[in-house]
């Protein structure tokens, strides 16, 4: 499908895409003036693609004045969000397992800044709840020297047994430990306390009582003066693409009330405990908390 968007306003382009009828995998080619790209920027069209569940492909220069923008319609049914709920929804054979959040700059940058905010070099015992294959530990490893990394104790926990077995094989270091367990039943384990607790996109799972679980983790597993990094997904993974905007129940569009409610609860709770709390990020919203000196 080829469409002519030369000279169109942003409102007209948005309306045009809103009325498009394309099938999964279809490619839409849109011709625009190079001067318009210089004015509005490519990012605006990347955002346009995400709004309508498309992937923006490499643009092609048509002639001296025109550029062809290419958009591929994503398969909205190809998403781990629609898989049956089970411990292996996130296992090695799942679509989720192919996802690498840390390859996305909007995730990696803000996660690194969160680690810097809590001074990762000073932390000795680190717990990651919902660790899956351990991507967040690799980011920490890349931020530290070998000596700094090996001086710390890392514990990763996940409900997916196949993901945990994969992580065990992937991390050869003796100071990194992985455990397959239900986060709802942490009291069954003889866990020591940690001076950093990380949980990215896990505590909001449908089978977890968010407020109760969060308070229990803080009270029972965080060292006095310890830090926390919590990641709240504000995106969906569709056909291998990270698409901005988490879908709330009963809405076809992005609606952030539940995410903001949980973030507000954690922030208020931690501030009452004399923590400095910051909220950062975009596709993932990071709540990062460190004790006020």
Protein backbone atom coordinates (compact mmCIF):
# COMPACT_ATOMS: atom_id res chain seq x y z
CA UNK A 1 0.00 0.00 0.00
CA UNK A 2 1.39 3.40 -1.04
CA UNK A 3 -0.01 6.66 0.26
CA UNK A 4 0.88 10.27 -0.45
CA UNK A 5 1.34 12.36 2.69
CA UNK A 6 3.23 15.23 1.08
CA UNK A 7 1.98 18.56 2.39
CA UNK A 8 -0.34 16.92 4.95
CA UNK A 9 -0.64 18.37 8.45
CA UNK A 10 -0.06 16.25 11.56
CA UNK A 11 -3.83 16.20 12.16
CA UNK A 12 -4.50 14.98 8.63
CA UNK A 13 -1.80 12.28 8.87
CA UNK A 14 -3.15 11.05 12.21
CA UNK A 15 -6.68 10.88 10.80
CA UNK A 16 -5.45 9.03 7.73
CA UNK A 17 -3.72 6.35 9.81
CA UNK A 18 -6.73 6.09 12.09
CA UNK A 19 -8.83 5.09 9.09
CA UNK A 20 -6.33 2.67 7.59
CA UNK A 21 -7.35 -0.98 7.30
CA UNK A 22 -4.27 -3.19 7.03
CA UNK A 23 -3.63 -6.83 7.84
CA UNK A 24 -0.89 -8.26 10.05
CA UNK A 25 2.41 -8.12 8.21
CA UNK A 26 1.23 -5.61 5.61
CA UNK A 27 3.66 -2.83 4.73
CA UNK A 28 2.43 0.72 4.27
CA UNK A 29 4.63 3.10 2.28
CA UNK A 30 4.07 6.80 2.88
CA UNK A 31 5.69 9.43 0.69
CA UNK A 32 6.63 12.67 2.45
CA UNK A 33 8.77 15.67 1.62
CA UNK A 34 12.28 15.67 3.02
CA UNK A 35 11.65 19.21 4.26
CA UNK A 36 8.75 17.89 6.33
CA UNK A 37 11.02 15.29 7.93
CA UNK A 38 13.50 18.03 8.79
CA UNK A 39 10.66 19.99 10.38
CA UNK A 40 8.82 17.29 12.34
CA UNK A 41 11.61 14.72 12.78
CA UNK A 42 11.63 10.93 12.40
CA UNK A 43 10.69 10.42 16.05
CA UNK A 44 7.19 11.74 15.39
CA UNK A 45 6.70 8.97 12.82
CA UNK A 46 8.15 6.31 15.13
CA UNK A 47 5.55 7.42 17.69
CA UNK A 48 2.87 7.31 14.98
CA UNK A 49 3.84 3.74 14.17
CA UNK A 50 3.56 2.68 17.82
CA UNK A 51 0.13 4.28 18.23
CA UNK A 52 -1.25 2.09 15.44
CA UNK A 53 0.75 -1.04 16.35
CA UNK A 54 3.20 -0.78 13.51
CA UNK A 55 6.96 -1.04 13.21
CA UNK A 56 8.76 1.71 11.33
CA UNK A 57 11.17 0.21 8.81
CA UNK A 58 14.20 1.89 7.23
CA UNK A 59 13.08 4.92 5.16
CA UNK A 60 14.01 5.08 1.46
CA UNK A 61 15.03 8.24 -0.35
CA UNK A 62 12.83 8.44 -3.46
CA UNK A 63 14.25 11.52 -5.15
CA UNK A 64 15.84 14.84 -4.36
CA UNK A 65 12.79 16.13 -2.49
CA UNK A 66 10.90 13.03 -1.26
CA UNK A 67 11.37 10.19 1.21
CA UNK A 68 9.29 7.03 1.48
CA UNK A 69 8.51 6.04 5.08
CA UNK A 70 7.73 2.35 5.53
CA UNK A 71 5.52 0.88 8.26
CA UNK A 72 4.89 -2.81 8.93
CA UNK A 73 1.69 -3.81 10.73
CA UNK A 74 2.43 -5.90 13.82
CA UNK A 75 0.57 -9.08 14.66
CA UNK A 76 -1.30 -8.04 17.82
CA UNK A 77 -2.05 -11.67 18.64
CA UNK A 78 1.67 -12.45 18.79
CA UNK A 79 2.20 -11.38 22.37
CA UNK A 80 3.10 -13.15 25.61
CA UNK A 81 0.48 -10.99 27.32
CA UNK A 82 -2.18 -13.19 25.71
CA UNK A 83 -0.62 -16.49 26.76
CA UNK A 84 -2.24 -18.71 29.36
CA UNK A 85 -1.20 -17.91 32.91
CA UNK A 86 1.24 -20.50 34.21
CA UNK A 87 4.73 -20.72 35.63
CA UNK A 88 6.06 -21.32 32.11
CA UNK A 89 4.33 -18.31 30.55
CA UNK A 90 7.78 -16.76 30.97
CA UNK A 91 9.83 -19.94 30.40
CA UNK A 92 12.53 -20.63 27.79
CA UNK A 93 9.97 -21.74 25.18
CA UNK A 94 7.77 -18.67 25.67
CA UNK A 95 7.62 -15.53 23.55
CA UNK A 96 8.54 -13.54 26.66
CA UNK A 97 11.89 -15.30 26.82
CA UNK A 98 12.89 -13.80 23.47
CA UNK A 99 12.37 -10.30 24.87
CA UNK A 100 15.44 -8.39 26.06
CA UNK A 101 14.37 -5.19 27.80
CA UNK A 102 17.98 -4.16 28.27
CA UNK A 103 18.45 -3.93 24.48
CA UNK A 104 15.94 -1.07 24.47
CA UNK A 105 17.62 2.26 25.14
CA UNK A 106 14.59 3.74 26.90
CA UNK A 107 14.78 0.89 29.43
CA UNK A 108 18.55 0.57 29.73
CA UNK A 109 19.26 4.28 30.25
CA UNK A 110 16.74 4.75 33.06
CA UNK A 111 17.66 1.45 34.73
CA UNK A 112 21.32 2.45 34.74
CA UNK A 113 20.43 5.85 36.21
CA UNK A 114 18.37 4.12 38.93
CA UNK A 115 21.39 1.95 39.80
CA UNK A 116 23.59 5.04 39.97
CA UNK A 117 21.05 6.83 42.19
CA UNK A 118 21.20 4.10 44.83
CA UNK A 119 25.00 3.82 44.44
CA UNK A 120 25.20 0.24 43.20
CA UNK A 121 28.91 0.06 44.03
CA UNK A 122 28.10 0.31 47.75
CA UNK A 123 25.56 -2.55 47.77
CA UNK A 124 26.70 -5.97 48.97
CA UNK A 125 23.59 -8.16 48.87
CA UNK A 126 21.17 -7.82 45.97
CA UNK A 127 17.84 -9.60 45.50
CA UNK A 128 15.93 -9.60 42.20
CA UNK A 129 12.33 -10.81 42.37
CA UNK A 130 11.11 -11.94 38.95
CA UNK A 131 14.65 -12.28 37.62
CA UNK A 132 13.81 -14.58 34.66
CA UNK A 133 17.08 -15.16 32.74
CA UNK A 134 18.99 -12.49 34.65
CA UNK A 135 19.20 -9.58 32.21
CA UNK A 136 19.13 -6.97 35.00
CA UNK A 137 22.11 -8.63 36.70
CA UNK A 138 24.08 -8.39 33.43
CA UNK A 139 23.54 -4.64 33.35
CA UNK A 140 24.99 -4.39 36.86
CA UNK A 141 27.90 -6.61 35.85
CA UNK A 142 28.68 -4.30 32.91
CA UNK A 143 28.65 -1.25 35.20
CA UNK A 144 31.20 -2.70 37.61
CA UNK A 145 34.74 -3.99 37.50
CA UNK A 146 35.19 -7.75 37.87
CA UNK A 147 36.43 -7.27 41.42
CA UNK A 148 33.45 -5.07 42.35
CA UNK A 149 30.96 -7.54 40.84
CA UNK A 150 32.50 -10.57 42.54
CA UNK A 151 32.49 -8.82 45.93
CA UNK A 152 28.69 -8.82 45.98
CA UNK A 153 26.09 -11.52 46.57
CA UNK A 154 23.34 -11.75 43.97
CA UNK A 155 20.12 -13.74 44.48
CA UNK A 156 17.61 -14.03 41.66
CA UNK A 157 14.17 -15.55 42.13
CA UNK A 158 11.52 -16.53 39.60
CA UNK A 159 8.52 -18.85 39.36
CA UNK A 160 9.63 -20.24 35.98
CA UNK A 161 11.81 -23.29 36.52
CA UNK A 162 13.14 -23.35 32.94
CA UNK A 163 14.15 -19.67 33.10
CA UNK A 164 15.96 -20.29 36.40
CA UNK A 165 17.81 -23.30 34.97
CA UNK A 166 18.87 -21.20 31.99
CA UNK A 167 20.13 -18.40 34.26
CA UNK A 168 22.12 -20.87 36.36
CA UNK A 169 23.96 -22.05 33.26
CA UNK A 170 24.45 -18.53 31.93
CA UNK A 171 26.01 -17.14 35.12
CA UNK A 172 29.14 -19.07 36.08
CA UNK A 173 30.09 -16.83 39.01
CA UNK A 174 29.84 -18.43 42.47
CA UNK A 175 28.44 -15.23 43.98
CA UNK A 176 25.28 -15.41 41.83
CA UNK A 177 22.48 -17.68 43.01
CA UNK A 178 19.13 -18.44 41.38
CA UNK A 179 16.07 -19.92 43.07
CA UNK A 180 12.77 -21.13 41.62
CA UNK A 181 10.04 -20.06 44.02
CA UNK A 182 6.69 -18.32 44.31
CA UNK A 183 7.06 -14.70 45.42
CA UNK A 184 3.79 -15.09 47.32
CA UNK A 185 5.52 -17.60 49.58
CA UNK A 186 8.81 -15.93 50.46
CA UNK A 187 8.18 -16.73 54.11
CA UNK A 188 8.86 -20.40 53.28
CA UNK A 189 12.49 -19.55 52.54
CA UNK A 190 15.19 -18.76 55.02
CA UNK A 191 16.13 -15.55 53.24
CA UNK A 192 18.56 -13.14 54.77
CA UNK A 193 17.97 -9.44 54.33
CA UNK A 194 19.33 -7.47 51.36
CA UNK A 195 20.59 -3.93 50.95
CA UNK A 196 19.11 -3.70 47.44
CA UNK A 197 15.87 -5.24 46.20
CA UNK A 198 14.99 -5.08 42.49
CA UNK A 199 11.72 -6.12 40.91
CA UNK A 200 10.93 -5.21 37.30
CA UNK A 201 7.42 -5.85 35.99
CA UNK A 202 6.64 -8.59 38.49
CA UNK A 203 4.80 -7.30 41.56
CA UNK A 204 1.83 -6.18 39.47
CA UNK A 205 1.15 -9.72 38.27
CA UNK A 206 -2.51 -10.70 38.55
CA UNK A 207 -1.79 -13.43 41.12
CA UNK A 208 0.00 -11.04 43.50
CA UNK A 209 -1.65 -8.77 46.08
CA UNK A 210 0.46 -5.74 45.27
CA UNK A 211 0.18 -3.63 48.44
CA UNK A 212 0.48 -6.54 50.85
CA UNK A 213 3.39 -8.14 48.99
CA UNK A 214 5.29 -4.86 48.65
CA UNK A 215 5.00 -4.08 52.37
CA UNK A 216 6.00 -7.63 53.31
CA UNK A 217 9.09 -7.46 51.09
CA UNK A 218 10.11 -4.15 52.63
CA UNK A 219 9.50 -5.25 56.22
CA UNK A 220 10.98 -8.76 56.02
CA UNK A 221 13.67 -8.71 53.36
CA UNK A 222 15.18 -5.22 53.14
CA UNK A 223 18.07 -4.26 55.37
CA UNK A 224 17.68 -1.16 57.47
CA UNK A 225 18.81 1.62 55.18
CA UNK A 226 18.59 -0.60 52.10
CA UNK A 227 17.47 0.60 48.66
CA UNK A 228 14.75 -0.47 46.23
CA UNK A 229 14.29 -0.31 42.45
CA UNK A 230 10.81 -1.21 41.18
CA UNK A 231 9.94 -1.22 37.49
CA UNK A 232 6.35 -0.70 36.34
CA UNK A 233 5.65 -1.58 32.68
CA UNK A 234 4.06 1.24 30.72
CA UNK A 235 4.31 -0.71 27.49
CA UNK A 236 3.27 -3.87 25.71
CA UNK A 237 5.39 -6.39 23.83
CA UNK A 238 3.71 -7.10 20.49
CA UNK A 239 5.28 -9.19 17.73
CA UNK A 240 8.69 -8.70 19.36
CA UNK A 241 8.33 -4.90 19.57
CA UNK A 242 8.14 -2.81 22.73
CA UNK A 243 5.10 -0.59 22.16
CA UNK A 244 4.52 2.34 24.49
CA UNK A 245 1.40 2.23 26.65
CA UNK A 246 0.24 -0.52 28.98
CA UNK A 247 -3.28 -1.72 28.25
CA UNK A 248 -5.58 -1.56 31.23
CA UNK A 249 -8.53 -3.96 31.68
CA UNK A 250 -11.71 -2.86 29.85
CA UNK A 251 -9.87 -0.28 27.74
CA UNK A 252 -8.56 -0.59 24.19
CA UNK A 253 -6.07 2.23 24.74
CA UNK A 254 -3.33 3.15 27.19
CA UNK A 255 -4.76 3.99 30.62
CA UNK A 256 -2.33 4.61 33.47
CA UNK A 257 -4.56 4.84 36.55
CA UNK A 258 -3.61 1.45 38.02
CA UNK A 259 0.11 1.95 37.39
CA UNK A 260 0.06 5.42 38.95
CA UNK A 261 -1.98 4.16 41.89
CA UNK A 262 0.62 1.49 42.72
CA UNK A 263 3.51 3.90 42.25
CA UNK A 264 1.85 6.46 44.50
CA UNK A 265 1.28 3.83 47.21
CA UNK A 266 4.95 2.77 47.18
CA UNK A 267 6.26 6.31 47.08
CA UNK A 268 4.11 7.48 49.98
CA UNK A 269 4.95 4.37 52.04
CA UNK A 270 8.70 4.75 51.50
CA UNK A 271 8.68 8.49 52.12
CA UNK A 272 7.07 7.80 55.48
CA UNK A 273 10.05 5.52 56.17
CA UNK A 274 12.41 8.46 55.45
CA UNK A 275 13.35 7.48 51.91
CA UNK A 276 14.17 9.75 49.02
CA UNK A 277 12.02 8.46 46.15
CA UNK A 278 12.27 9.37 42.47
CA UNK A 279 10.08 8.31 39.54
CA UNK A 280 11.79 8.09 36.15
CA UNK A 281 11.44 6.32 32.81
CA UNK A 282 9.04 6.12 29.91
CA UNK A 283 8.18 2.65 28.58
CA UNK A 284 9.05 1.31 32.03
CA UNK A 285 8.47 3.64 34.97
CA UNK A 286 11.13 3.23 37.64
CA UNK A 287 10.50 3.91 41.30
CA UNK A 288 13.92 4.21 42.91
CA UNK A 289 14.32 4.74 46.64
CA UNK A 290 17.33 5.31 48.87
CA UNK A 291 17.43 6.09 52.58
CA UNK A 292 17.85 9.75 53.49
CA UNK A 293 21.16 10.16 55.26
